[in-house]
């Protein structure tokens, strides 16, 4: 890639990079990054503790 690359070239490179990273992550961790994100808690900051609201964290 260089400064003369077109958007289509960059999009193609991004798709290729994602495909390669998915392959590496699946080999190393048994799942892709997207799959890992789907398995995480809906609010990772909550640490599975729903006793606090957003306002508690904002100091309001």
Foldseek 3Di string as FASTA:
>chain_A
DDPPDDPVRVVVVVVVVQVVQQVVCCVVPVGGPVVVVVPDDPDVVCVPPPPDDVCVVVVD
